[in-house]
Amino acid sequence: MSSHWEEYFATLWSSLASDAPAPIPQYRFAPPRKWRADFAWPEQKVMLEIHGGEFAGGRHTRGAGMARDFEKHNAAVAAGWRVFYVTGKMLEDDPYGVVDMVHRAVRRG
């Protein structure tokens, strides 16, 4: 299931970064683990995680949720992925900057 922010990012990416490969949403990057990246560019080993609800006490801001996020993040980095984390507020405040940041990493490969 995609969130409002994931849908928003997908729309931004398709319009602002049309010269780059399309991301794979909900990409399982570490089978047999069930971890999924919100968006991934497997050839470039770049992934994007969007954390919404950061100011509403969402899962990502509580101890157990943060610990699971850190475990997932560390496994991705150990496997050679470049992981970008953004919040809904970051997408809201600077959508072009977020897309540009990820676009530069994807272009670098």
Protein backbone atom coordinates (compact mmCIF):
# COMPACT_ATOMS: atom_id res chain seq x y z
CA MET A 1 0.00 0.00 0.00
CA SER A 2 1.44 3.34 -0.92
CA SER A 3 1.05 6.44 1.16
CA HIS A 4 0.02 9.91 0.07
CA TRP A 5 3.70 10.94 0.17
CA GLU A 6 4.79 7.96 -1.92
CA GLU A 7 2.19 8.80 -4.56
CA TYR A 8 3.30 12.43 -4.48
CA PHE A 9 6.97 11.49 -4.93
CA ALA A 10 6.14 9.12 -7.82
CA THR A 11 4.30 11.95 -9.57
CA LEU A 12 7.15 14.37 -8.96
CA TRP A 13 9.74 11.88 -10.19
CA SER A 14 7.89 11.14 -13.42
CA SER A 15 7.55 14.82 -14.24
CA LEU A 16 10.88 16.21 -12.96
CA ALA A 17 13.28 13.32 -13.57
CA SER A 18 11.92 11.79 -16.75
CA ASP A 19 15.47 11.40 -18.10
CA ALA A 20 16.35 8.97 -15.29
CA PRO A 21 15.23 5.39 -14.74
CA ALA A 22 11.88 4.94 -13.05
CA PRO A 23 12.11 3.68 -9.48
CA ILE A 24 10.69 0.35 -8.39
CA PRO A 25 8.16 0.97 -5.61
CA GLN A 26 8.09 -1.34 -2.59
CA TYR A 27 11.30 -3.09 -3.66
CA ARG A 28 12.39 -6.10 -1.56
CA PHE A 29 16.10 -5.52 -1.27
CA ALA A 30 17.18 -8.22 1.19
CA PRO A 31 15.38 -11.53 0.63
CA PRO A 32 14.49 -13.60 2.57
CA ARG A 33 13.80 -10.59 4.82
CA LYS A 34 10.53 -8.89 4.05
CA TRP A 35 12.05 -5.43 4.16
CA ARG A 36 10.96 -3.15 1.38
CA ALA A 37 12.30 0.18 0.22
CA ASP A 38 9.62 2.72 -0.60
CA PHE A 39 11.47 3.33 -3.88
CA ALA A 40 14.59 1.69 -5.28
CA TRP A 41 16.83 1.93 -8.29
CA PRO A 42 18.50 -1.49 -8.05
CA GLU A 43 21.03 -1.00 -10.85
CA GLN A 44 22.33 2.12 -9.14
CA LYS A 45 21.85 0.68 -5.61
CA VAL A 46 19.95 3.78 -4.53
CA MET A 47 16.86 3.70 -2.35
CA LEU A 48 14.49 6.24 -0.90
CA GLU A 49 12.51 5.92 2.29
CA ILE A 50 9.72 8.40 2.99
CA HIS A 51 8.69 8.80 6.61
CA GLY A 52 5.32 10.44 7.10
CA GLY A 53 3.66 11.24 10.39
CA GLU A 54 6.91 12.54 11.83
CA PHE A 55 5.11 15.17 13.88
CA ALA A 56 2.12 13.02 14.81
CA GLY A 57 3.84 10.32 16.86
CA GLY A 58 3.91 7.87 13.96
CA ARG A 59 5.60 4.48 14.00
CA HIS A 60 8.91 5.88 12.82
CA THR A 61 9.20 8.16 15.85
CA ARG A 62 8.71 5.52 18.55
CA GLY A 63 11.50 3.38 20.00
CA ALA A 64 10.57 -0.01 18.56
CA GLY A 65 9.76 1.41 15.13
CA MET A 66 12.98 3.38 15.05
CA ALA A 67 15.00 0.30 16.04
CA ARG A 68 13.46 -1.69 13.16
CA ASP A 69 14.13 1.19 10.77
CA PHE A 70 17.77 1.35 11.89
CA GLU A 71 18.20 -2.41 11.45
CA LYS A 72 16.78 -2.18 7.93
CA HIS A 73 18.89 0.88 7.09
CA ASN A 74 22.11 -0.68 8.39
CA ALA A 75 21.50 -3.88 6.42
CA ALA A 76 20.97 -1.86 3.24
CA VAL A 77 24.14 0.19 3.76
CA ALA A 78 26.15 -2.95 4.57
CA ALA A 79 24.94 -4.40 1.26
CA GLY A 80 26.21 -1.34 -0.63
CA TRP A 81 22.99 0.66 -1.00
CA ARG A 82 22.88 4.45 -0.75
CA VAL A 83 19.80 5.18 1.35
CA PHE A 84 18.00 8.52 1.39
CA TYR A 85 15.49 9.28 4.12
CA VAL A 86 13.01 12.11 3.71
CA THR A 87 9.96 13.20 5.65
CA GLY A 88 6.63 14.29 4.32
CA LYS A 89 7.47 17.80 5.49
CA MET A 90 10.67 17.76 3.41
CA LEU A 91 8.65 16.76 0.35
CA GLU A 92 6.11 19.44 1.11
CA ASP A 93 8.65 22.21 1.74
CA ASP A 94 11.17 21.41 -1.00
CA PRO A 95 9.86 18.85 -3.51
CA TYR A 96 12.31 19.96 -6.21
CA GLY A 97 15.25 19.67 -3.83
CA VAL A 98 14.30 16.14 -2.79
CA VAL A 99 13.90 14.98 -6.39
CA ASP A 100 17.16 16.68 -7.38
CA MET A 101 19.09 15.02 -4.53
CA VAL A 102 17.93 11.53 -5.49
CA HIS A 103 18.22 12.25 -9.22
CA ARG A 104 21.89 13.18 -8.83
CA ALA A 105 22.59 9.92 -6.99
CA VAL A 106 20.75 7.84 -9.59
CA ARG A 107 22.62 9.57 -12.44
CA ARG A 108 25.96 8.86 -10.74
CA GLY A 109 25.06 5.18 -10.62
